[in-house]
Amino acid sequence: EDPQSFWAGRAYLYHAYSYHPSTRVLSEPVKVERGLSGGDTFEWRGVTIRCLAAPGPTSGGLVYIVDPPEGPVAFTGDLIAGPGKLWDLYSLQGPRALPDGGSLMEYHGFLERSADVLASLRAALACHPRALVPSHGSIMRDPAAALDELDVNLRAVLQSYYRTSAGQWYFGGARKEWPAETANLKTRCRPLPAWVIDTSGTTRVLVGEDGAALVMDCADQAPRVVGELLSAGSIRKVEALWTTHYHDDHVGQVAKLVREHGCELIAHGSMVDILRRPSAYHMPCVDPTPLRPDRVTHDGDTWTWRGITLTAYTFPGQTSFDAALLARKGEESVLFVGDSLTPGGIDDYCAYNRNLVGPGRGFDYCLDLLGKLSFSGLMVNPHVRGAFAFTHAELRDLRSELARRYAALRKLVAWDEPNFALDHQWVRPYPYWQAAAPGGEVTWELHITNYASTPREATATLRPPVGWTPLHGRASSEAAAGRTICLRLSARQPKEAAGLHVATFDITLGDRLLPTFAEAVVECHPRT
């Protein structure tokens, strides 16, 4: 009834570590005549409808058991999309209680809500329905077999995930698959070379000739710590700053450090735009402060800085907007990988970071790069003290497990390619949030990625806010296999528009019609 309070809160836009309620929230209010809860029953045209509490993709979900004379039918929403199938995976990010009384945030909980999904479906099956009717997908006339297949497919994906997840390093003991004792993982840990300073927080400092410093990431107390290094004579001056990725716990104090020291800000091409215009993106952990890199690197760029050879690499690991920096000095080499790798494995526990799967994507791309470099040197993740290293055999094992997980995901999702179910931004309105003056034209670019192995016709249709006039309200183009296209849509606001407004977009990809599948936010301010 009051969606505006959700949109005005902006918890979905900046510093987002929780994703429920999701942004699949109404753009306009709807009056509710009666609210229902689990256990409620009501009659409609001679048919009895029972309500079952059914958390899963949403916390307050319900299953409706409809009881016509020929036998009950369960309407299951997005709990299941076909025998053994789920509609999407990102909606199943969830919290988890820890043994010490704490809790994993939703950000860290890949598929944690799948347990709720299975429990909700089992409760529905206890009503002996003759069919399951999902919101998306196919009707299931053998409910027990459909649920059994889902249980098997989920277990296969989760067991693969547990074997390689960085969660076993950070959250040992949180699951039976992650022992509390991590001594076996600590055997991968190594000391840093003398020319890399291990500071507090997520910051590391490279020390070059004459004591010049290149700072890696900057958040929280990093400016103070860097100042202490200067006062102690550990470094002579701050000359440059490199960002591994856009997350707030890595860039939150970048602007302050640049302002205080006048240092050059270097960023990789993969993240430049989200740093410059963070509100244009709907991604986790976004810091609202726009940053203006002085220098942009591209894949394979190499340069020498104060006696250290540096090479920048595109590295779409923990997020799709990541980079890695290889630093070599003499016989020593250190690869700064951001949060992508730990001694426990790969950091893919938040699907909203756009952790893609399959050959040449996401971590497969990263591990392939390490193989091509024959890299067995030191790696640095700023959340891990010191450095760590993997053997070539261990890196090959990681990649083999990713291949097995890709095959398991193909069985689990109700799409012909798992990334449609993993990537919440395969349809990405740009900008996601923008400010505009009433009466003016508002334009969006719809970036649509066709993850399928065949070309698909893609169509986007704008549903503007009430009272807005579509100018270019519909656009179509063929999306080649594995490629992203850009469709341009626009509308004009009424002159009296003010406040926050939400536009939504209907998407058609091939034979799939996806109403109100994406949204964008416009904040209207009168001209002064």
Protein backbone atom coordinates (compact mmCIF):
# COMPACT_ATOMS: atom_id res chain seq x y z
CA GLU A 1 0.00 0.00 0.00
CA ASP A 2 2.95 2.33 0.58
CA PRO A 3 5.75 1.47 -1.86
CA GLN A 4 7.02 5.05 -1.78
CA SER A 5 8.46 4.52 1.70
CA PHE A 6 10.58 1.68 0.30
CA TRP A 7 11.86 3.69 -2.66
CA ALA A 8 12.48 6.81 -0.60
CA GLY A 9 14.51 4.83 1.93
CA ARG A 10 17.28 4.12 -0.61
CA ALA A 11 18.50 1.07 1.33
CA TYR A 12 18.52 -0.69 -2.05
CA LEU A 13 20.85 1.91 -3.59
CA TYR A 14 23.81 2.56 -1.28
CA HIS A 15 25.67 0.31 1.19
CA ALA A 16 23.34 -2.58 0.33
CA TYR A 17 24.15 -5.83 2.11
CA SER A 18 20.55 -7.10 2.38
CA TYR A 19 18.18 -7.76 -0.51
CA HIS A 20 14.79 -8.44 1.06
CA PRO A 21 12.48 -6.85 0.28
CA SER A 22 13.88 -6.83 -3.22
CA THR A 23 13.38 -4.03 -5.71
CA ARG A 24 10.55 -6.01 -7.30
CA VAL A 25 8.29 -3.66 -5.36
CA LEU A 26 5.27 -1.89 -6.80
CA SER A 27 5.95 1.47 -8.40
CA GLU A 28 2.48 2.77 -7.48
CA PRO A 29 0.38 2.03 -4.35
CA VAL A 30 -2.41 -0.54 -4.43
CA LYS A 31 -5.16 -0.56 -1.78
CA VAL A 32 -5.36 -3.88 0.03
CA GLU A 33 -8.88 -4.88 1.11
CA ARG A 34 -7.73 -7.79 3.26
CA GLY A 35 -4.35 -9.00 4.45
CA LEU A 36 -3.79 -12.76 4.67
CA SER A 37 -1.42 -14.86 6.79
CA GLY A 38 -0.52 -18.51 7.00
CA GLY A 39 -3.45 -20.51 8.40
CA ASP A 40 -6.13 -18.19 6.99
CA THR A 41 -8.97 -19.63 4.87
CA PHE A 42 -11.43 -17.83 2.63
CA GLU A 43 -14.18 -18.66 0.14
CA TRP A 44 -14.36 -17.46 -3.43
CA ARG A 45 -17.24 -18.40 -5.75
CA GLY A 46 -17.89 -21.60 -3.87
CA VAL A 47 -14.22 -22.62 -3.74
CA THR A 48 -12.28 -22.84 -0.47
CA ILE A 49 -8.76 -21.36 -0.52
CA ARG A 50 -6.30 -22.10 2.29
CA CYS A 51 -3.20 -20.00 2.98
CA LEU A 52 0.12 -21.56 3.98
CA ALA A 53 3.06 -19.49 5.21
CA ALA A 54 5.73 -20.09 2.57
CA PRO A 55 8.96 -18.12 2.99
CA GLY A 56 11.51 -18.51 0.22
CA PRO A 57 12.32 -15.89 -2.41
CA THR A 58 10.30 -13.52 -0.21
CA SER A 59 10.00 -13.59 3.57
CA GLY A 60 6.21 -13.16 3.65
CA GLY A 61 5.30 -15.48 0.80
CA LEU A 62 2.16 -17.63 0.83
CA VAL A 63 1.12 -20.83 -0.92
CA TYR A 64 -2.57 -20.94 -1.81
CA ILE A 65 -4.24 -24.36 -1.62
CA VAL A 66 -7.35 -24.23 -3.80
CA ASP A 67 -9.88 -26.97 -3.01
CA PRO A 68 -12.25 -27.62 -5.94
CA PRO A 69 -14.30 -30.86 -5.89
CA GLU A 70 -11.83 -32.71 -8.13
CA GLY A 71 -8.98 -32.26 -5.63
CA PRO A 72 -6.63 -29.60 -4.26
CA VAL A 73 -4.16 -27.58 -6.31
CA ALA A 74 -1.24 -25.64 -4.81
CA PHE A 75 -0.33 -22.22 -6.24
CA THR A 76 3.34 -21.95 -5.25
CA GLY A 77 4.56 -18.59 -6.55
CA ASP A 78 8.29 -18.72 -7.28
CA LEU A 79 9.14 -21.54 -4.86
CA ILE A 80 9.56 -23.87 -7.83
CA ALA A 81 9.42 -23.38 -11.61
CA GLY A 82 9.15 -26.97 -12.84
CA PRO A 83 10.34 -30.42 -11.80
CA GLY A 84 13.72 -29.80 -10.16
CA LYS A 85 13.82 -26.17 -11.35
CA LEU A 86 14.12 -22.69 -9.79
CA TRP A 87 13.20 -19.44 -11.50
CA ASP A 88 16.13 -17.45 -10.13
CA LEU A 89 18.93 -17.91 -7.61
CA TYR A 90 19.77 -14.35 -6.56
CA SER A 91 16.44 -14.05 -4.69
CA LEU A 92 17.61 -16.87 -2.41
CA GLN A 93 20.44 -14.89 -0.80
CA GLY A 94 19.75 -15.19 2.91
CA PRO A 95 21.15 -14.77 6.45
CA ARG A 96 22.44 -17.64 8.56
CA ALA A 97 22.88 -17.98 12.32
CA LEU A 98 26.48 -18.62 13.40
CA PRO A 99 27.57 -20.93 16.24
CA ASP A 100 28.91 -18.00 18.29
CA GLY A 101 25.52 -16.31 18.28
CA GLY A 102 26.24 -13.95 15.40
CA SER A 103 24.78 -14.10 11.92
CA LEU A 104 25.88 -14.08 8.33
CA MET A 105 24.41 -11.14 6.46
CA GLU A 106 22.33 -11.87 3.38
CA TYR A 107 25.33 -10.65 1.42
CA HIS A 108 27.31 -13.72 2.53
CA GLY A 109 24.49 -16.26 2.20
CA PHE A 110 24.41 -17.80 -1.28
CA LEU A 111 21.24 -19.94 -1.61
CA GLU A 112 20.66 -19.81 2.16
CA ARG A 113 16.93 -19.38 1.54
CA SER A 114 16.81 -22.66 -0.39
CA ALA A 115 16.16 -24.46 2.91
CA ASP A 116 13.04 -22.30 3.34
CA VAL A 117 12.01 -23.13 -0.21
CA LEU A 118 12.18 -26.87 0.42
CA ALA A 119 10.39 -26.57 3.78
CA SER A 120 7.60 -24.47 2.23
CA LEU A 121 7.11 -26.95 -0.60
CA ARG A 122 7.03 -29.87 1.84
CA ALA A 123 4.30 -28.07 3.79
CA ALA A 124 2.36 -27.66 0.55
CA LEU A 125 2.77 -31.34 -0.31
CA ALA A 126 1.34 -32.27 3.11
CA CYS A 127 -1.98 -30.95 1.74
CA HIS A 128 -1.82 -33.66 -0.98
CA PRO A 129 -2.21 -31.38 -4.02
CA ARG A 130 -2.77 -33.04 -7.38
CA ALA A 131 -0.72 -30.30 -9.07
CA LEU A 132 1.70 -27.46 -8.34
CA VAL A 133 1.09 -24.24 -10.27
CA PRO A 134 4.06 -21.83 -10.24
CA SER A 135 4.07 -18.13 -11.09
CA HIS A 136 6.81 -18.83 -13.64
CA GLY A 137 7.39 -22.17 -15.33
CA SER A 138 5.34 -25.29 -15.98
CA ILE A 139 2.49 -26.95 -14.09
CA MET A 140 3.68 -30.04 -12.18
CA ARG A 141 1.22 -32.94 -12.00
CA ASP A 142 3.52 -35.14 -9.93
CA PRO A 143 4.33 -32.78 -7.03
CA ALA A 144 6.34 -35.29 -4.99
CA ALA A 145 8.62 -36.15 -7.91
CA ALA A 146 9.06 -32.45 -8.77
CA LEU A 147 10.17 -31.68 -5.20
CA ASP A 148 12.47 -34.71 -4.99
CA GLU A 149 14.21 -33.62 -8.18
CA LEU A 150 14.58 -30.07 -6.84
CA ASP A 151 16.12 -31.40 -3.63
CA VAL A 152 18.67 -33.45 -5.62
CA ASN A 153 19.57 -30.57 -7.95
CA LEU A 154 19.96 -28.09 -5.09
CA ARG A 155 22.22 -30.45 -3.16
CA ALA A 156 24.49 -30.90 -6.17
CA VAL A 157 24.95 -27.14 -6.61
CA LEU A 158 25.43 -26.44 -2.91
CA GLN A 159 27.95 -29.23 -2.35
CA SER A 160 30.02 -27.89 -5.23
CA TYR A 161 29.75 -24.35 -3.87
CA TYR A 162 30.81 -25.40 -0.36
CA ARG A 163 33.97 -27.09 -1.69
CA THR A 164 35.41 -23.92 -3.24
CA SER A 165 33.84 -21.06 -1.29
CA ALA A 166 35.86 -18.41 0.54
CA GLY A 167 33.21 -18.86 3.22
CA GLN A 168 35.19 -21.77 4.63
CA TRP A 169 38.02 -19.30 5.37
CA TYR A 170 35.90 -16.49 6.77
CA PHE A 171 33.12 -18.51 8.43
CA GLY A 172 34.68 -21.79 9.54
CA GLY A 173 32.15 -23.73 11.60
CA ALA A 174 29.14 -21.95 10.09
CA ARG A 175 28.30 -25.14 8.19
CA LYS A 176 29.21 -28.78 8.72
CA GLU A 177 30.98 -28.57 5.35
CA TRP A 178 33.22 -25.78 6.71
CA PRO A 179 35.25 -27.04 9.70
CA ALA A 180 35.91 -24.52 12.45
CA GLU A 181 39.60 -25.47 12.34
CA THR A 182 41.25 -23.93 9.26
CA ALA A 183 44.81 -25.14 9.81
CA ASN A 184 44.82 -26.93 6.45
CA LEU A 185 43.94 -23.67 4.68
CA LYS A 186 46.56 -21.70 6.60
CA THR A 187 49.28 -23.81 4.97
CA ARG A 188 48.70 -21.59 1.91
CA CYS A 189 49.57 -18.42 3.84
CA ARG A 190 52.88 -16.66 3.18
CA PRO A 191 54.67 -13.52 4.45
CA LEU A 192 54.65 -10.40 2.31
CA PRO A 193 57.85 -9.06 0.76
CA ALA A 194 59.44 -6.11 2.57
CA TRP A 195 58.22 -3.60 -0.05
CA VAL A 196 54.52 -4.27 0.73
CA ILE A 197 53.16 -2.86 4.00
CA ASP A 198 50.27 -4.74 5.56
CA THR A 199 48.13 -1.99 7.13
CA SER A 200 44.86 -2.27 8.98
CA GLY A 201 41.54 -2.61 7.18
CA THR A 202 41.50 -3.20 3.44
CA THR A 203 44.49 -1.00 2.59
CA ARG A 204 47.95 -2.20 1.51
CA VAL A 205 50.87 0.03 0.58
CA LEU A 206 53.55 -0.58 -2.05
CA VAL A 207 56.81 1.16 -1.21
CA GLY A 208 58.94 2.15 -4.17
CA GLU A 209 62.28 3.86 -4.59
CA ASP A 210 62.92 6.84 -2.31
CA GLY A 211 60.04 5.76 -0.07
CA ALA A 212 57.25 6.77 -2.44
CA ALA A 213 53.97 4.95 -1.76
CA LEU A 214 51.25 3.48 -3.98
CA VAL A 215 48.20 2.83 -1.81
CA MET A 216 45.90 -0.10 -2.64
CA ASP A 217 42.26 0.68 -1.70
CA CYS A 218 41.25 3.13 1.02
CA ALA A 219 38.37 2.99 3.50
CA ASP A 220 37.56 3.46 7.17
CA GLN A 221 40.72 4.52 9.10
CA ALA A 222 43.12 4.20 6.14
CA PRO A 223 43.90 7.95 5.82
CA ARG A 224 44.91 8.07 9.49
CA VAL A 225 47.05 4.92 9.16
CA VAL A 226 48.76 6.28 6.05
CA GLY A 227 49.45 9.50 7.95
CA GLU A 228 51.08 7.49 10.71
CA LEU A 229 53.31 5.73 8.16
CA LEU A 230 54.41 9.13 6.91
CA SER A 231 55.08 10.40 10.42
CA ALA A 232 57.11 7.29 11.24
CA GLY A 233 59.18 7.64 8.08
CA SER A 234 58.01 4.27 6.71
CA ILE A 235 57.00 6.11 3.54
CA ARG A 236 58.09 9.49 2.22
CA LYS A 237 55.02 10.55 0.23
CA VAL A 238 51.79 9.16 -1.22
CA GLU A 239 52.16 9.24 -4.98
CA ALA A 240 49.28 7.11 -6.31
CA LEU A 241 46.22 5.14 -5.28
CA TRP A 242 44.83 2.04 -7.04
CA THR A 243 41.33 0.61 -6.48
CA THR A 244 40.77 -3.15 -6.82
CA HIS A 245 36.97 -2.76 -6.98
CA TYR A 246 34.13 -0.38 -6.21
CA HIS A 247 32.84 -1.79 -2.87
CA ASP A 248 32.36 0.74 -0.08
CA ASP A 249 34.80 -1.01 2.25
CA HIS A 250 37.52 -0.44 -0.36
CA VAL A 251 36.77 3.05 -1.68
CA GLY A 252 34.95 4.80 1.18
CA GLN A 253 37.91 7.09 2.00
CA VAL A 254 39.52 7.36 -1.44
CA ALA A 255 38.30 10.93 -1.96
CA LYS A 256 39.71 11.96 1.42
CA LEU A 257 43.15 10.44 0.74
CA VAL A 258 43.35 12.01 -2.73
CA ARG A 259 42.33 15.37 -1.31
CA GLU A 260 44.84 15.24 1.54
CA HIS A 261 47.84 14.05 -0.51
CA GLY A 262 47.09 15.19 -4.05
CA CYS A 263 47.94 11.69 -5.28
CA GLU A 264 47.00 10.23 -8.64
CA LEU A 265 43.89 8.00 -8.59
CA ILE A 266 44.26 5.00 -10.91
CA ALA A 267 41.33 2.70 -11.76
CA HIS A 268 40.77 -0.09 -14.25
CA GLY A 269 38.41 0.34 -17.18
CA SER A 270 36.09 -2.35 -15.80
CA MET A 271 35.05 -0.13 -12.88
CA VAL A 272 35.60 3.45 -14.00
CA ASP A 273 31.96 4.25 -14.69
CA ILE A 274 30.58 2.81 -11.43
CA LEU A 275 33.21 4.87 -9.56
CA ARG A 276 32.32 8.03 -11.47
CA ARG A 277 28.56 7.52 -11.28
CA PRO A 278 27.71 5.08 -8.47
CA SER A 279 23.98 5.92 -8.38
CA ALA A 280 23.63 4.78 -11.99
CA TYR A 281 24.13 1.17 -10.85
CA HIS A 282 22.07 -1.24 -8.78
CA MET A 283 24.82 -3.29 -7.17
CA PRO A 284 25.81 -4.32 -3.63
CA CYS A 285 27.99 -2.20 -1.36
CA VAL A 286 27.96 0.97 -3.48
CA ASP A 287 29.48 4.04 -1.87
CA PRO A 288 27.60 7.22 -2.86
CA THR A 289 30.69 9.42 -3.33
CA PRO A 290 31.55 9.87 -7.03
CA LEU A 291 35.26 9.36 -7.80
CA ARG A 292 37.14 10.78 -10.78
CA PRO A 293 40.12 8.58 -11.74
CA ASP A 294 43.09 10.49 -13.13
CA ARG A 295 44.26 7.48 -15.07
CA VAL A 296 42.43 4.49 -16.54
CA THR A 297 44.15 1.16 -17.16
CA HIS A 298 43.11 -1.59 -19.54
CA ASP A 299 43.73 -5.31 -19.67
CA GLY A 300 47.44 -6.05 -19.92
CA ASP A 301 48.66 -2.45 -19.47
CA THR A 302 52.19 -2.52 -18.04
CA TRP A 303 54.25 0.34 -16.61
CA THR A 304 57.14 0.89 -14.25
CA TRP A 305 56.63 2.80 -11.04
CA ARG A 306 59.56 3.57 -8.70
CA GLY A 307 61.44 0.35 -9.53
CA ILE A 308 58.34 -1.88 -9.49
CA THR A 309 56.82 -3.27 -12.68
CA LEU A 310 53.03 -3.11 -12.61
CA THR A 311 50.54 -4.89 -14.89
CA ALA A 312 46.77 -4.39 -14.74
CA TYR A 313 44.33 -7.18 -15.57
CA THR A 314 40.59 -7.39 -15.96
CA PHE A 315 39.58 -9.83 -13.22
CA PRO A 316 35.79 -10.40 -13.01
CA GLY A 317 35.88 -12.47 -9.82
CA GLN A 318 34.06 -11.32 -6.70
CA THR A 319 32.26 -8.71 -8.82
CA SER A 320 32.01 -8.10 -12.53
CA PHE A 321 33.66 -4.70 -11.89
CA ASP A 322 36.94 -6.08 -10.53
CA ALA A 323 40.58 -5.80 -11.55
CA ALA A 324 43.89 -7.32 -10.45
CA LEU A 325 47.29 -5.66 -10.27
CA LEU A 326 50.49 -7.68 -10.65
CA ALA A 327 53.52 -6.08 -8.99
CA ARG A 328 57.05 -7.36 -9.69
CA LYS A 329 60.27 -6.27 -8.03
CA GLY A 330 63.37 -8.30 -8.78
CA GLU A 331 62.51 -11.98 -8.32
CA GLU A 332 59.45 -11.26 -6.19
CA SER A 333 55.90 -10.93 -7.54
CA VAL A 334 52.61 -10.14 -5.82
CA LEU A 335 49.16 -10.27 -7.41
CA PHE A 336 46.61 -8.01 -5.74
CA VAL A 337 43.28 -9.75 -6.38
CA GLY A 338 40.89 -7.62 -4.34
CA ASP A 339 38.38 -9.87 -2.58
CA SER A 340 38.21 -12.48 -5.34
CA LEU A 341 40.41 -15.19 -3.81
CA THR A 342 41.29 -16.29 -0.27
CA PRO A 343 43.25 -19.21 1.15
CA GLY A 344 39.86 -20.96 1.33
CA GLY A 345 38.85 -20.51 -2.28
CA ILE A 346 36.77 -18.12 -4.36
CA ASP A 347 34.54 -15.31 -3.15
CA ASP A 348 31.27 -15.97 -4.96
CA TYR A 349 28.85 -16.01 -2.02
CA CYS A 350 26.84 -12.99 -3.21
CA ALA A 351 25.04 -13.56 -6.50
CA TYR A 352 24.14 -9.87 -6.64
CA ASN A 353 27.82 -9.11 -7.34
CA ARG A 354 27.13 -10.68 -10.76
CA ASN A 355 29.22 -13.83 -10.29
CA LEU A 356 28.84 -15.36 -13.74
CA VAL A 357 29.54 -19.00 -14.56
CA GLY A 358 30.59 -20.94 -17.62
CA PRO A 359 33.62 -21.03 -19.92
CA GLY A 360 35.34 -17.66 -20.22
CA ARG A 361 33.12 -15.93 -17.66
CA GLY A 362 33.56 -14.86 -14.05
CA PHE A 363 35.96 -16.96 -12.03
CA ASP A 364 36.57 -19.29 -14.95
CA TYR A 365 38.04 -16.29 -16.77
CA CYS A 366 40.15 -15.39 -13.71
CA LEU A 367 41.52 -18.91 -13.22
CA ASP A 368 42.21 -19.19 -16.93
CA LEU A 369 44.22 -15.96 -16.72
CA LEU A 370 46.27 -17.35 -13.82
CA GLY A 371 46.94 -20.45 -15.90
CA LYS A 372 48.07 -18.43 -18.90
CA LEU A 373 50.38 -16.42 -16.65
CA SER A 374 51.64 -19.66 -15.04
CA PHE A 375 51.24 -17.69 -11.86
CA SER A 376 52.30 -19.37 -8.61
CA GLY A 377 53.50 -16.26 -6.75
CA LEU A 378 51.96 -14.44 -3.82
CA MET A 379 48.37 -13.25 -3.85
CA VAL A 380 46.94 -10.53 -1.64
CA ASN A 381 43.33 -10.16 -0.54
CA PRO A 382 43.13 -7.10 1.76
CA HIS A 383 40.78 -8.94 4.14
CA VAL A 384 43.47 -11.58 4.71
CA ARG A 385 46.61 -10.82 6.70
CA GLY A 386 49.83 -11.28 4.75
CA ALA A 387 49.72 -13.17 1.47
CA PHE A 388 48.82 -16.66 0.25
CA ALA A 389 49.60 -18.92 -2.70
CA PHE A 390 48.01 -21.74 -4.66
CA THR A 391 49.84 -24.45 -6.53
CA HIS A 392 49.12 -24.97 -10.22
CA ALA A 393 47.35 -28.22 -9.31
CA GLU A 394 45.10 -26.43 -6.79
CA LEU A 395 44.15 -23.80 -9.35
CA ARG A 396 43.32 -26.55 -11.87
CA ASP A 397 41.15 -28.27 -9.25
CA LEU A 398 39.26 -25.03 -8.62
CA ARG A 399 38.55 -24.65 -12.31
CA SER A 400 37.43 -28.29 -12.63
CA GLU A 401 35.00 -27.80 -9.75
CA LEU A 402 33.60 -24.70 -11.45
CA ALA A 403 32.94 -26.79 -14.56
CA ARG A 404 31.05 -29.36 -12.46
CA ARG A 405 29.04 -26.60 -10.80
CA TYR A 406 28.12 -25.11 -14.17
CA ALA A 407 26.71 -28.48 -15.25
CA ALA A 408 24.79 -28.78 -11.95
CA LEU A 409 23.37 -25.26 -12.32
CA ARG A 410 22.08 -26.09 -15.79
CA LYS A 411 19.93 -28.81 -14.22
CA LEU A 412 18.67 -26.50 -11.45
CA VAL A 413 17.47 -23.38 -13.27
CA ALA A 414 14.42 -22.94 -15.50
CA TRP A 415 16.47 -21.28 -18.22
CA ASP A 416 18.67 -22.65 -20.99
CA GLU A 417 21.67 -20.85 -19.46
CA PRO A 418 22.35 -20.51 -15.68
CA ASN A 419 23.46 -16.86 -15.85
CA PHE A 420 19.88 -15.76 -16.52
CA ALA A 421 19.05 -17.05 -13.04
CA LEU A 422 22.30 -15.88 -11.40
CA ASP A 423 22.63 -12.36 -12.80
CA HIS A 424 20.00 -9.98 -11.41
CA GLN A 425 21.24 -7.39 -13.91
CA TRP A 426 21.07 -9.29 -17.20
CA VAL A 427 18.54 -6.55 -17.94
CA ARG A 428 20.18 -3.37 -16.68
CA PRO A 429 18.54 0.06 -16.98
CA TYR A 430 21.18 2.78 -17.14
CA PRO A 431 21.15 4.99 -15.22
CA TYR A 432 19.41 3.12 -12.42
CA TRP A 433 18.85 6.34 -10.46
CA GLN A 434 18.92 9.84 -11.91
CA ALA A 435 17.83 13.34 -11.03
CA ALA A 436 15.70 15.34 -13.46
CA ALA A 437 13.79 18.61 -13.63
CA PRO A 438 9.97 18.46 -14.04
CA GLY A 439 8.75 18.80 -17.61
CA GLY A 440 11.98 17.50 -19.11
CA GLU A 441 12.86 14.40 -21.08
CA VAL A 442 14.23 11.36 -19.22
CA THR A 443 16.24 8.76 -21.11
CA TRP A 444 17.40 5.25 -20.24
CA GLU A 445 19.64 2.75 -21.92
CA LEU A 446 18.47 -0.83 -21.48
CA HIS A 447 21.50 -3.15 -21.49
CA ILE A 448 20.23 -6.67 -22.20
CA THR A 449 22.61 -9.64 -22.14
CA ASN A 450 21.63 -12.74 -24.07
CA TYR A 451 23.42 -15.53 -22.23
CA ALA A 452 21.91 -18.15 -24.53
CA SER A 453 23.97 -20.02 -27.13
CA THR A 454 21.69 -18.80 -29.95
CA PRO A 455 20.62 -15.31 -31.07
CA ARG A 456 17.40 -13.98 -29.53
CA GLU A 457 15.18 -11.06 -30.47
CA ALA A 458 15.00 -8.69 -27.50
CA THR A 459 12.27 -6.09 -26.98
CA ALA A 460 11.97 -3.54 -24.18
CA THR A 461 8.75 -1.65 -23.46
CA LEU A 462 8.69 1.30 -21.07
CA ARG A 463 6.00 1.55 -18.41
CA PRO A 464 6.47 5.17 -17.31
CA PRO A 465 5.16 6.58 -14.04
CA VAL A 466 1.53 7.70 -14.01
CA GLY A 467 1.10 10.95 -15.93
CA TRP A 468 4.35 10.66 -17.89
CA THR A 469 4.33 10.65 -21.69
CA PRO A 470 6.35 7.97 -23.52
CA LEU A 471 8.52 9.48 -26.27
CA HIS A 472 10.40 6.38 -27.33
CA GLY A 473 8.50 3.73 -25.43
CA ARG A 474 9.51 0.56 -27.23
CA ALA A 475 12.67 -0.74 -28.89
CA SER A 476 13.84 -4.05 -30.34
CA SER A 477 17.02 -5.62 -31.64
CA GLU A 478 18.54 -9.03 -32.15
CA ALA A 479 20.94 -10.00 -29.39
CA ALA A 480 23.71 -12.28 -30.59
CA ALA A 481 24.59 -15.33 -28.50
CA GLY A 482 26.50 -14.32 -25.38
CA ARG A 483 26.36 -10.62 -26.24
CA THR A 484 24.88 -7.47 -24.71
CA ILE A 485 22.76 -5.03 -26.68
CA CYS A 486 21.66 -1.52 -25.75
CA LEU A 487 18.12 -0.24 -26.36
CA ARG A 488 17.25 3.42 -25.81
CA LEU A 489 13.91 4.46 -24.27
CA SER A 490 12.62 7.83 -23.12
CA ALA A 491 9.65 9.67 -21.63
CA ARG A 492 8.63 13.23 -20.76
CA GLN A 493 7.64 14.20 -17.25
CA PRO A 494 4.64 16.41 -16.53
CA LYS A 495 5.56 19.96 -15.52
CA GLU A 496 4.15 19.39 -12.05
CA ALA A 497 6.22 16.25 -11.40
CA ALA A 498 8.10 16.25 -8.11
CA GLY A 499 9.56 13.72 -5.75
CA LEU A 500 10.53 10.12 -6.44
CA HIS A 501 9.17 8.16 -9.41
CA VAL A 502 9.76 4.57 -10.57
CA ALA A 503 9.70 3.51 -14.21
CA THR A 504 9.46 -0.18 -15.05
CA PHE A 505 10.28 -2.12 -18.21
CA ASP A 506 8.63 -5.10 -19.86
CA ILE A 507 11.14 -7.38 -21.54
CA THR A 508 10.68 -9.99 -24.23
CA LEU A 509 13.61 -12.27 -25.04
CA GLY A 510 12.83 -14.81 -27.72
CA ASP A 511 9.56 -16.43 -26.61
CA ARG A 512 9.85 -15.28 -22.99
CA LEU A 513 7.58 -12.42 -21.94
CA LEU A 514 8.80 -10.82 -18.69
CA PRO A 515 6.47 -8.04 -17.49
CA THR A 516 7.88 -5.30 -15.23
CA PHE A 517 11.16 -7.20 -15.15
CA ALA A 518 13.40 -4.21 -14.41
CA GLU A 519 13.03 -0.78 -12.87
CA ALA A 520 14.75 2.59 -12.68
CA VAL A 521 14.28 5.49 -10.27
CA VAL A 522 13.95 9.19 -11.13
CA GLU A 523 14.05 11.94 -8.52
CA CYS A 524 12.41 15.13 -9.76
CA HIS A 525 13.58 18.48 -8.44
CA PRO A 526 12.10 21.78 -9.65
CA ARG A 527 14.59 24.08 -11.36
CA THR A 528 15.88 26.86 -9.12
